[in-house]
Amino acid sequence: MITSSDVRLVSLLRAFRADPVTEPAPAMARGRSRFAGSLQLRHVDAGSCNGCEIEIAQSFGPVCDAGRFGARLVASPRHADGLLVTGVVTKNMATPLQKTFEAVPRPRVVVACGDCAVDGGIFAEAYGVAGPLDDFVPVDVKIPGCPPDPSAITEALRGLTGR
């Protein structure tokens, strides 16, 4: 008798077989050769619902493992090569976001993760919203989705590291 856990195990094994680890890295973003091989990111939640944060955690978890491609989350913007921003920018987070952006050494990269950071998403017209991310800081990479798939986040980071 086949149980539901057997079905889940078979589908998980098929997913691993269908997505080999040895595939070539996506093309690097132009003008970002400084980040080749290694990218330290400071995550900033500018006003999200935390859906994107869960997917970012999965991106750095054992299945997608963005760390093996040279991406890493750091605690301080002064130690970072760029920002990984989630959520639409709220009125209370506009100034802290800009100060965090200014604290990152140049050259720096900004990654907008999720529909809210890209274009405001479903919260675009809310009363506490100041606007999408690119109204406040220049955005280099946009990862659409509500929330984006962990593999999409990992692929975007691979595009920056070239690994």
N, C-alpha and C. Protein backbone atom coordinates (compact mmCIF):
# COMPACT_ATOMS: atom_id res chain seq x y z
N MET A 1 0.84 -1.19 0.00
CA MET A 1 0.00 0.00 0.00
C MET A 1 0.89 1.25 0.00
N ILE A 2 0.60 2.16 -0.89
CA ILE A 2 1.38 3.39 -1.01
C ILE A 2 0.74 4.46 -0.13
N THR A 3 1.56 5.07 0.72
CA THR A 3 1.06 6.12 1.61
C THR A 3 1.37 7.50 1.03
N SER A 4 0.80 8.51 1.66
CA SER A 4 1.04 9.88 1.19
C SER A 4 2.50 10.29 1.39
N SER A 5 3.15 9.76 2.43
CA SER A 5 4.56 10.09 2.64
C SER A 5 5.44 9.48 1.54
N ASP A 6 5.05 8.30 1.03
CA ASP A 6 5.77 7.70 -0.10
C ASP A 6 5.66 8.57 -1.34
N VAL A 7 4.48 9.10 -1.59
CA VAL A 7 4.25 9.96 -2.75
C VAL A 7 5.07 11.23 -2.64
N ARG A 8 5.12 11.82 -1.44
CA ARG A 8 5.91 13.02 -1.23
C ARG A 8 7.40 12.76 -1.43
N LEU A 9 7.87 11.60 -0.95
CA LEU A 9 9.27 11.25 -1.11
C LEU A 9 9.64 11.07 -2.58
N VAL A 10 8.77 10.41 -3.33
CA VAL A 10 9.03 10.21 -4.76
C VAL A 10 9.05 11.54 -5.49
N SER A 11 8.12 12.45 -5.18
CA SER A 11 8.11 13.75 -5.86
C SER A 11 9.33 14.58 -5.49
N LEU A 12 9.80 14.47 -4.25
CA LEU A 12 11.00 15.18 -3.83
C LEU A 12 12.23 14.64 -4.57
N LEU A 13 12.33 13.34 -4.70
CA LEU A 13 13.46 12.74 -5.42
C LEU A 13 13.43 13.13 -6.90
N ARG A 14 12.26 13.19 -7.50
CA ARG A 14 12.15 13.62 -8.89
C ARG A 14 12.59 15.07 -9.05
N ALA A 15 12.24 15.91 -8.08
CA ALA A 15 12.64 17.32 -8.15
C ALA A 15 14.16 17.45 -8.10
N PHE A 16 14.83 16.66 -7.27
CA PHE A 16 16.29 16.71 -7.21
C PHE A 16 16.91 16.22 -8.50
N ARG A 17 16.34 15.19 -9.09
CA ARG A 17 16.89 14.65 -10.32
C ARG A 17 16.65 15.60 -11.50
N ALA A 18 15.51 16.31 -11.50
CA ALA A 18 15.17 17.20 -12.60
C ALA A 18 15.98 18.51 -12.58
N ASP A 19 16.50 18.89 -11.44
CA ASP A 19 17.21 20.16 -11.31
C ASP A 19 18.66 19.89 -10.88
N PRO A 20 19.54 19.54 -11.82
CA PRO A 20 20.91 19.19 -11.43
C PRO A 20 21.68 20.39 -10.89
N VAL A 21 22.62 20.11 -10.01
CA VAL A 21 23.42 21.14 -9.38
C VAL A 21 24.48 21.66 -10.34
N THR A 22 24.81 20.93 -11.37
CA THR A 22 25.92 21.27 -12.25
C THR A 22 25.53 22.15 -13.43
N GLU A 23 24.33 22.71 -13.44
CA GLU A 23 23.92 23.54 -14.55
C GLU A 23 24.77 24.81 -14.59
N PRO A 24 24.94 25.41 -15.76
CA PRO A 24 25.76 26.63 -15.85
C PRO A 24 25.10 27.80 -15.13
N ALA A 25 25.92 28.69 -14.63
CA ALA A 25 25.42 29.88 -13.95
C ALA A 25 24.77 30.82 -14.95
N PRO A 26 23.75 31.56 -14.52
CA PRO A 26 23.15 32.56 -15.42
C PRO A 26 24.14 33.68 -15.73
N ALA A 27 23.86 34.42 -16.77
CA ALA A 27 24.74 35.51 -17.16
C ALA A 27 24.86 36.54 -16.04
N MET A 28 26.06 37.06 -15.86
CA MET A 28 26.29 38.06 -14.81
C MET A 28 25.69 39.40 -15.22
N ALA A 29 25.23 40.14 -14.22
CA ALA A 29 24.72 41.48 -14.49
C ALA A 29 25.88 42.35 -14.97
N ARG A 30 25.60 43.20 -15.95
CA ARG A 30 26.67 44.05 -16.50
C ARG A 30 27.15 45.05 -15.46
N GLY A 31 28.45 45.27 -15.43
CA GLY A 31 29.02 46.27 -14.53
C GLY A 31 29.15 45.81 -13.10
N ARG A 32 28.93 44.53 -12.82
CA ARG A 32 28.99 44.04 -11.45
C ARG A 32 30.08 43.00 -11.25
N SER A 33 31.17 43.10 -12.00
CA SER A 33 32.23 42.10 -11.92
C SER A 33 32.90 42.09 -10.55
N ARG A 34 32.79 43.16 -9.77
CA ARG A 34 33.39 43.20 -8.44
C ARG A 34 32.80 42.11 -7.54
N PHE A 35 31.57 41.70 -7.80
CA PHE A 35 30.89 40.72 -6.95
C PHE A 35 31.08 39.30 -7.45
N ALA A 36 31.90 39.11 -8.45
CA ALA A 36 32.09 37.77 -9.01
C ALA A 36 32.62 36.82 -7.94
N GLY A 37 31.91 35.75 -7.73
CA GLY A 37 32.33 34.72 -6.79
C GLY A 37 31.81 34.89 -5.39
N SER A 38 31.55 36.11 -4.95
CA SER A 38 31.13 36.33 -3.57
C SER A 38 30.25 37.57 -3.48
N LEU A 39 29.17 37.47 -2.73
CA LEU A 39 28.25 38.60 -2.57
C LEU A 39 27.71 38.60 -1.15
N GLN A 40 28.01 39.65 -0.41
CA GLN A 40 27.51 39.80 0.96
C GLN A 40 26.33 40.76 0.92
N LEU A 41 25.17 40.33 1.42
CA LEU A 41 23.96 41.15 1.36
C LEU A 41 23.40 41.44 2.74
N ARG A 42 22.95 42.65 2.93
CA ARG A 42 22.22 43.04 4.14
C ARG A 42 20.74 43.01 3.78
N HIS A 43 19.97 42.20 4.48
CA HIS A 43 18.54 42.13 4.22
C HIS A 43 17.82 43.26 4.95
N VAL A 44 16.93 43.95 4.23
CA VAL A 44 16.13 45.02 4.82
C VAL A 44 14.67 44.75 4.53
N ASP A 45 13.86 44.67 5.57
CA ASP A 45 12.41 44.53 5.43
C ASP A 45 11.84 45.94 5.50
N ALA A 46 11.45 46.48 4.35
CA ALA A 46 10.96 47.86 4.28
C ALA A 46 9.47 47.97 4.56
N GLY A 47 8.81 46.85 4.77
CA GLY A 47 7.37 46.87 5.07
C GLY A 47 6.64 45.71 4.43
N SER A 48 7.18 44.51 4.56
CA SER A 48 6.58 43.35 3.89
C SER A 48 5.64 42.61 4.83
N CYS A 49 4.95 41.62 4.26
CA CYS A 49 4.05 40.76 5.03
C CYS A 49 4.79 39.54 5.57
N ASN A 50 6.08 39.44 5.32
CA ASN A 50 7.00 38.37 5.74
C ASN A 50 6.93 37.12 4.87
N GLY A 51 6.14 37.14 3.81
CA GLY A 51 6.14 36.01 2.87
C GLY A 51 7.48 35.88 2.18
N CYS A 52 8.06 37.00 1.77
CA CYS A 52 9.35 36.98 1.08
C CYS A 52 10.46 36.53 2.03
N GLU A 53 10.37 36.89 3.30
CA GLU A 53 11.39 36.49 4.27
C GLU A 53 11.44 34.97 4.41
N ILE A 54 10.27 34.35 4.39
CA ILE A 54 10.23 32.89 4.48
C ILE A 54 10.92 32.27 3.27
N GLU A 55 10.67 32.83 2.09
CA GLU A 55 11.30 32.30 0.88
C GLU A 55 12.80 32.58 0.84
N ILE A 56 13.24 33.71 1.38
CA ILE A 56 14.67 33.99 1.48
C ILE A 56 15.33 32.97 2.40
N ALA A 57 14.68 32.66 3.51
CA ALA A 57 15.22 31.64 4.42
C ALA A 57 15.35 30.31 3.70
N GLN A 58 14.36 29.97 2.87
CA GLN A 58 14.44 28.74 2.10
C GLN A 58 15.57 28.80 1.07
N SER A 59 15.81 29.97 0.51
CA SER A 59 16.89 30.12 -0.48
C SER A 59 18.26 29.82 0.13
N PHE A 60 18.42 30.16 1.38
CA PHE A 60 19.69 29.93 2.06
C PHE A 60 19.67 28.63 2.86
N GLY A 61 18.57 27.88 2.79
CA GLY A 61 18.44 26.59 3.46
C GLY A 61 19.14 25.49 2.68
N PRO A 62 19.01 24.25 3.15
CA PRO A 62 19.76 23.14 2.55
C PRO A 62 19.34 22.74 1.14
N VAL A 63 18.12 23.04 0.71
CA VAL A 63 17.68 22.62 -0.62
C VAL A 63 18.24 23.52 -1.71
N CYS A 64 17.97 24.82 -1.65
CA CYS A 64 18.49 25.75 -2.66
C CYS A 64 19.93 26.15 -2.37
N ASP A 65 20.26 26.38 -1.11
CA ASP A 65 21.60 26.67 -0.63
C ASP A 65 22.33 27.73 -1.45
N ALA A 66 21.81 28.96 -1.38
CA ALA A 66 22.43 30.06 -2.11
C ALA A 66 23.87 30.32 -1.65
N GLY A 67 24.22 29.88 -0.47
CA GLY A 67 25.57 30.05 0.04
C GLY A 67 26.61 29.32 -0.79
N ARG A 68 26.25 28.20 -1.41
CA ARG A 68 27.22 27.47 -2.22
C ARG A 68 27.58 28.21 -3.50
N PHE A 69 26.77 29.22 -3.85
CA PHE A 69 27.04 30.03 -5.03
C PHE A 69 27.70 31.36 -4.66
N GLY A 70 28.11 31.50 -3.41
CA GLY A 70 28.85 32.69 -3.00
C GLY A 70 28.02 33.80 -2.38
N ALA A 71 26.72 33.61 -2.22
CA ALA A 71 25.86 34.64 -1.61
C ALA A 71 25.77 34.40 -0.11
N ARG A 72 25.75 35.48 0.66
CA ARG A 72 25.69 35.37 2.10
C ARG A 72 24.97 36.57 2.68
N LEU A 73 24.18 36.36 3.73
CA LEU A 73 23.52 37.46 4.43
C LEU A 73 24.42 37.89 5.59
N VAL A 74 24.57 39.21 5.74
CA VAL A 74 25.40 39.74 6.82
C VAL A 74 24.56 40.67 7.69
N ALA A 75 25.04 40.92 8.89
CA ALA A 75 24.27 41.67 9.87
C ALA A 75 24.42 43.18 9.77
N SER A 76 25.46 43.66 9.13
CA SER A 76 25.71 45.09 9.07
C SER A 76 25.81 45.58 7.63
N PRO A 77 25.20 46.73 7.33
CA PRO A 77 25.36 47.26 5.98
C PRO A 77 26.80 47.65 5.67
N ARG A 78 27.61 47.92 6.67
CA ARG A 78 29.01 48.29 6.46
C ARG A 78 29.86 47.09 6.03
N HIS A 79 29.34 45.88 6.25
CA HIS A 79 30.04 44.66 5.83
C HIS A 79 29.46 44.10 4.55
N ALA A 80 28.48 44.78 3.98
CA ALA A 80 27.73 44.25 2.84
C ALA A 80 28.22 44.82 1.52
N ASP A 81 27.96 44.06 0.45
CA ASP A 81 28.18 44.53 -0.91
C ASP A 81 26.90 45.14 -1.48
N GLY A 82 25.80 44.90 -0.81
CA GLY A 82 24.53 45.42 -1.30
C GLY A 82 23.39 45.11 -0.36
N LEU A 83 22.19 45.48 -0.80
CA LEU A 83 20.98 45.28 -0.02
C LEU A 83 20.05 44.30 -0.72
N LEU A 84 19.39 43.45 0.06
CA LEU A 84 18.32 42.59 -0.39
C LEU A 84 17.07 43.10 0.30
N VAL A 85 16.22 43.80 -0.44
CA VAL A 85 15.09 44.51 0.16
C VAL A 85 13.78 43.81 -0.17
N THR A 86 12.95 43.63 0.85
CA THR A 86 11.62 43.07 0.69
C THR A 86 10.58 44.08 1.15
N GLY A 87 9.41 44.00 0.56
CA GLY A 87 8.29 44.83 0.98
C GLY A 87 8.24 46.18 0.31
N VAL A 88 7.04 46.71 0.26
CA VAL A 88 6.83 48.06 -0.22
C VAL A 88 7.39 49.01 0.84
N VAL A 89 7.93 50.12 0.43
CA VAL A 89 8.54 51.05 1.39
C VAL A 89 7.43 51.81 2.12
N THR A 90 7.37 51.64 3.42
CA THR A 90 6.37 52.36 4.22
C THR A 90 6.91 53.73 4.60
N LYS A 91 6.03 54.61 5.04
CA LYS A 91 6.44 55.96 5.41
C LYS A 91 7.44 55.93 6.57
N ASN A 92 7.29 54.97 7.48
CA ASN A 92 8.20 54.87 8.61
C ASN A 92 9.55 54.28 8.24
N MET A 93 9.64 53.57 7.11
CA MET A 93 10.90 52.92 6.73
C MET A 93 11.66 53.65 5.62
N ALA A 94 11.10 54.71 5.06
CA ALA A 94 11.76 55.41 3.96
C ALA A 94 13.12 55.97 4.37
N THR A 95 13.17 56.68 5.47
CA THR A 95 14.44 57.27 5.94
C THR A 95 15.43 56.20 6.40
N PRO A 96 15.03 55.20 7.24
CA PRO A 96 15.99 54.16 7.62
C PRO A 96 16.53 53.38 6.42
N LEU A 97 15.70 53.17 5.41
CA LEU A 97 16.16 52.47 4.20
C LEU A 97 17.24 53.28 3.49
N GLN A 98 17.01 54.58 3.33
CA GLN A 98 18.01 55.43 2.66
C GLN A 98 19.30 55.50 3.47
N LYS A 99 19.20 55.56 4.80
CA LYS A 99 20.40 55.59 5.64
C LYS A 99 21.17 54.27 5.55
N THR A 100 20.44 53.16 5.48
CA THR A 100 21.09 51.86 5.33
C THR A 100 21.78 51.77 3.97
N PHE A 101 21.12 52.26 2.94
CA PHE A 101 21.70 52.27 1.59
C PHE A 101 22.99 53.08 1.58
N GLU A 102 23.00 54.24 2.22
CA GLU A 102 24.19 55.08 2.26
C GLU A 102 25.32 54.45 3.06
N ALA A 103 24.99 53.55 4.00
CA ALA A 103 26.02 52.90 4.82
C ALA A 103 26.74 51.78 4.08
N VAL A 104 26.17 51.30 2.98
CA VAL A 104 26.82 50.23 2.21
C VAL A 104 27.93 50.84 1.37
N PRO A 105 29.15 50.27 1.45
CA PRO A 105 30.26 50.81 0.65
C PRO A 105 30.01 50.68 -0.85
N ARG A 106 30.59 51.59 -1.62
CA ARG A 106 30.45 51.57 -3.08
C ARG A 106 31.54 50.72 -3.68
N PRO A 107 31.35 50.09 -4.81
CA PRO A 107 30.09 49.97 -5.54
C PRO A 107 29.16 49.01 -4.81
N ARG A 108 27.89 49.25 -4.93
CA ARG A 108 26.90 48.46 -4.22
C ARG A 108 25.80 48.03 -5.17
N VAL A 109 25.08 47.02 -4.77
CA VAL A 109 23.99 46.49 -5.57
C VAL A 109 22.73 46.45 -4.69
N VAL A 110 21.59 46.69 -5.31
CA VAL A 110 20.31 46.60 -4.60
C VAL A 110 19.44 45.59 -5.33
N VAL A 111 18.93 44.62 -4.56
CA VAL A 111 18.06 43.58 -5.09
C VAL A 111 16.67 43.78 -4.50
N ALA A 112 15.67 43.98 -5.37
CA ALA A 112 14.27 44.09 -4.94
C ALA A 112 13.66 42.70 -5.00
N CYS A 113 13.26 42.18 -3.86
CA CYS A 113 12.75 40.83 -3.77
C CYS A 113 11.24 40.86 -3.51
N GLY A 114 10.47 40.38 -4.48
CA GLY A 114 9.02 40.30 -4.33
C GLY A 114 8.30 41.44 -5.03
N ASP A 115 7.03 41.19 -5.34
CA ASP A 115 6.22 42.18 -6.06
C ASP A 115 6.11 43.50 -5.32
N CYS A 116 6.03 43.47 -4.00
CA CYS A 116 5.88 44.72 -3.24
C CYS A 116 7.10 45.63 -3.41
N ALA A 117 8.29 45.05 -3.36
CA ALA A 117 9.50 45.85 -3.55
C ALA A 117 9.65 46.30 -5.00
N VAL A 118 9.20 45.47 -5.94
CA VAL A 118 9.34 45.79 -7.36
C VAL A 118 8.42 46.91 -7.79
N ASP A 119 7.12 46.78 -7.46
CA ASP A 119 6.16 47.79 -7.95
C ASP A 119 5.07 48.17 -6.95
N GLY A 120 5.20 47.77 -5.71
CA GLY A 120 4.19 48.09 -4.70
C GLY A 120 3.25 46.94 -4.40
N GLY A 121 3.11 46.01 -5.32
CA GLY A 121 2.28 44.84 -5.10
C GLY A 121 0.86 45.18 -4.68
N ILE A 122 0.28 44.33 -3.86
CA ILE A 122 -1.12 44.53 -3.44
C ILE A 122 -1.25 45.66 -2.42
N PHE A 123 -0.14 46.12 -1.85
CA PHE A 123 -0.19 47.18 -0.85
C PHE A 123 0.11 48.56 -1.43
N ALA A 124 0.20 48.68 -2.73
CA ALA A 124 0.64 49.93 -3.38
C ALA A 124 -0.20 51.14 -2.98
N GLU A 125 -1.49 50.97 -2.80
CA GLU A 125 -2.37 52.10 -2.49
C GLU A 125 -2.73 52.21 -1.01
N ALA A 126 -2.06 51.47 -0.14
CA ALA A 126 -2.35 51.52 1.29
C ALA A 126 -1.95 52.86 1.89
N TYR A 127 -2.58 53.24 2.97
CA TYR A 127 -2.37 54.58 3.56
C TYR A 127 -0.97 54.79 4.12
N GLY A 128 -0.31 53.74 4.58
CA GLY A 128 1.01 53.90 5.18
C GLY A 128 2.16 53.70 4.21
N VAL A 129 1.85 53.56 2.93
CA VAL A 129 2.87 53.24 1.93
C VAL A 129 3.44 54.51 1.32
N ALA A 130 4.78 54.56 1.25
CA ALA A 130 5.45 55.71 0.62
C ALA A 130 5.71 55.45 -0.86
N GLY A 131 5.86 54.18 -1.26
CA GLY A 131 6.07 53.86 -2.66
C GLY A 131 6.93 52.62 -2.85
N PRO A 132 7.14 52.24 -4.11
CA PRO A 132 8.01 51.09 -4.38
C PRO A 132 9.48 51.44 -4.15
N LEU A 133 10.29 50.43 -4.08
CA LEU A 133 11.71 50.60 -3.73
C LEU A 133 12.46 51.54 -4.64
N ASP A 134 12.24 51.46 -5.96
CA ASP A 134 13.04 52.29 -6.87
C ASP A 134 12.68 53.77 -6.82
N ASP A 135 11.69 54.15 -6.02
CA ASP A 135 11.43 55.56 -5.77
C ASP A 135 12.42 56.13 -4.74
N PHE A 136 13.13 55.25 -4.02
CA PHE A 136 14.00 55.68 -2.94
C PHE A 136 15.47 55.36 -3.16
N VAL A 137 15.75 54.22 -3.74
CA VAL A 137 17.14 53.82 -4.02
C VAL A 137 17.18 53.19 -5.42
N PRO A 138 18.32 53.27 -6.11
CA PRO A 138 18.42 52.63 -7.43
C PRO A 138 18.42 51.11 -7.30
N VAL A 139 17.58 50.45 -8.07
CA VAL A 139 17.45 48.99 -8.02
C VAL A 139 18.20 48.38 -9.20
N ASP A 140 19.05 47.40 -8.90
CA ASP A 140 19.84 46.73 -9.94
C ASP A 140 19.19 45.43 -10.42
N VAL A 141 18.59 44.68 -9.49
CA VAL A 141 17.98 43.39 -9.82
C VAL A 141 16.59 43.33 -9.22
N LYS A 142 15.62 42.89 -10.04
CA LYS A 142 14.24 42.75 -9.57
C LYS A 142 13.83 41.29 -9.64
N ILE A 143 13.32 40.76 -8.52
CA ILE A 143 12.85 39.38 -8.46
C ILE A 143 11.34 39.43 -8.24
N PRO A 144 10.53 39.24 -9.29
CA PRO A 144 9.08 39.31 -9.13
C PRO A 144 8.53 38.06 -8.45
N GLY A 145 7.32 38.19 -7.96
CA GLY A 145 6.62 37.06 -7.34
C GLY A 145 6.04 37.47 -6.01
N CYS A 146 4.94 36.82 -5.64
CA CYS A 146 4.28 37.14 -4.38
C CYS A 146 3.95 35.83 -3.66
N PRO A 147 4.87 35.32 -2.88
CA PRO A 147 6.29 35.66 -2.80
C PRO A 147 7.07 34.97 -3.91
N PRO A 148 8.28 35.42 -4.19
CA PRO A 148 9.09 34.76 -5.22
C PRO A 148 9.51 33.37 -4.77
N ASP A 149 9.66 32.49 -5.72
CA ASP A 149 10.10 31.13 -5.43
C ASP A 149 11.56 31.15 -4.95
N PRO A 150 11.92 30.31 -3.97
CA PRO A 150 13.32 30.29 -3.51
C PRO A 150 14.32 30.04 -4.63
N SER A 151 13.95 29.24 -5.62
CA SER A 151 14.87 29.00 -6.73
C SER A 151 15.06 30.26 -7.57
N ALA A 152 14.03 31.10 -7.68
CA ALA A 152 14.16 32.36 -8.41
C ALA A 152 15.11 33.32 -7.67
N ILE A 153 15.02 33.34 -6.36
CA ILE A 153 15.91 34.18 -5.56
C ILE A 153 17.35 33.69 -5.72
N THR A 154 17.55 32.39 -5.64
CA THR A 154 18.87 31.81 -5.79
C THR A 154 19.44 32.10 -7.17
N GLU A 155 18.63 31.97 -8.22
CA GLU A 155 19.09 32.24 -9.58
C GLU A 155 19.49 33.71 -9.76
N ALA A 156 18.73 34.61 -9.17
CA ALA A 156 19.08 36.04 -9.26
C ALA A 156 20.41 36.30 -8.58
N LEU A 157 20.64 35.69 -7.45
CA LEU A 157 21.92 35.87 -6.74
C LEU A 157 23.06 35.21 -7.51
N ARG A 158 22.79 34.08 -8.15
CA ARG A 158 23.80 33.44 -9.00
C ARG A 158 24.18 34.34 -10.17
N GLY A 159 23.19 35.08 -10.67
CA GLY A 159 23.49 36.00 -11.75
C GLY A 159 24.45 37.09 -11.35
N LEU A 160 24.41 37.47 -10.08
CA LEU A 160 25.33 38.49 -9.57
C LEU A 160 26.71 37.94 -9.24
N THR A 161 26.75 36.69 -8.75
CA THR A 161 28.05 36.11 -8.39
C THR A 161 28.72 35.42 -9.56
N GLY A 162 27.94 35.04 -10.56
CA GLY A 162 28.52 34.35 -11.71
C GLY A 162 28.88 32.90 -11.44
N ARG A 163 28.37 32.35 -10.36
CA ARG A 163 28.69 30.96 -10.00
C ARG A 163 27.52 30.04 -10.19
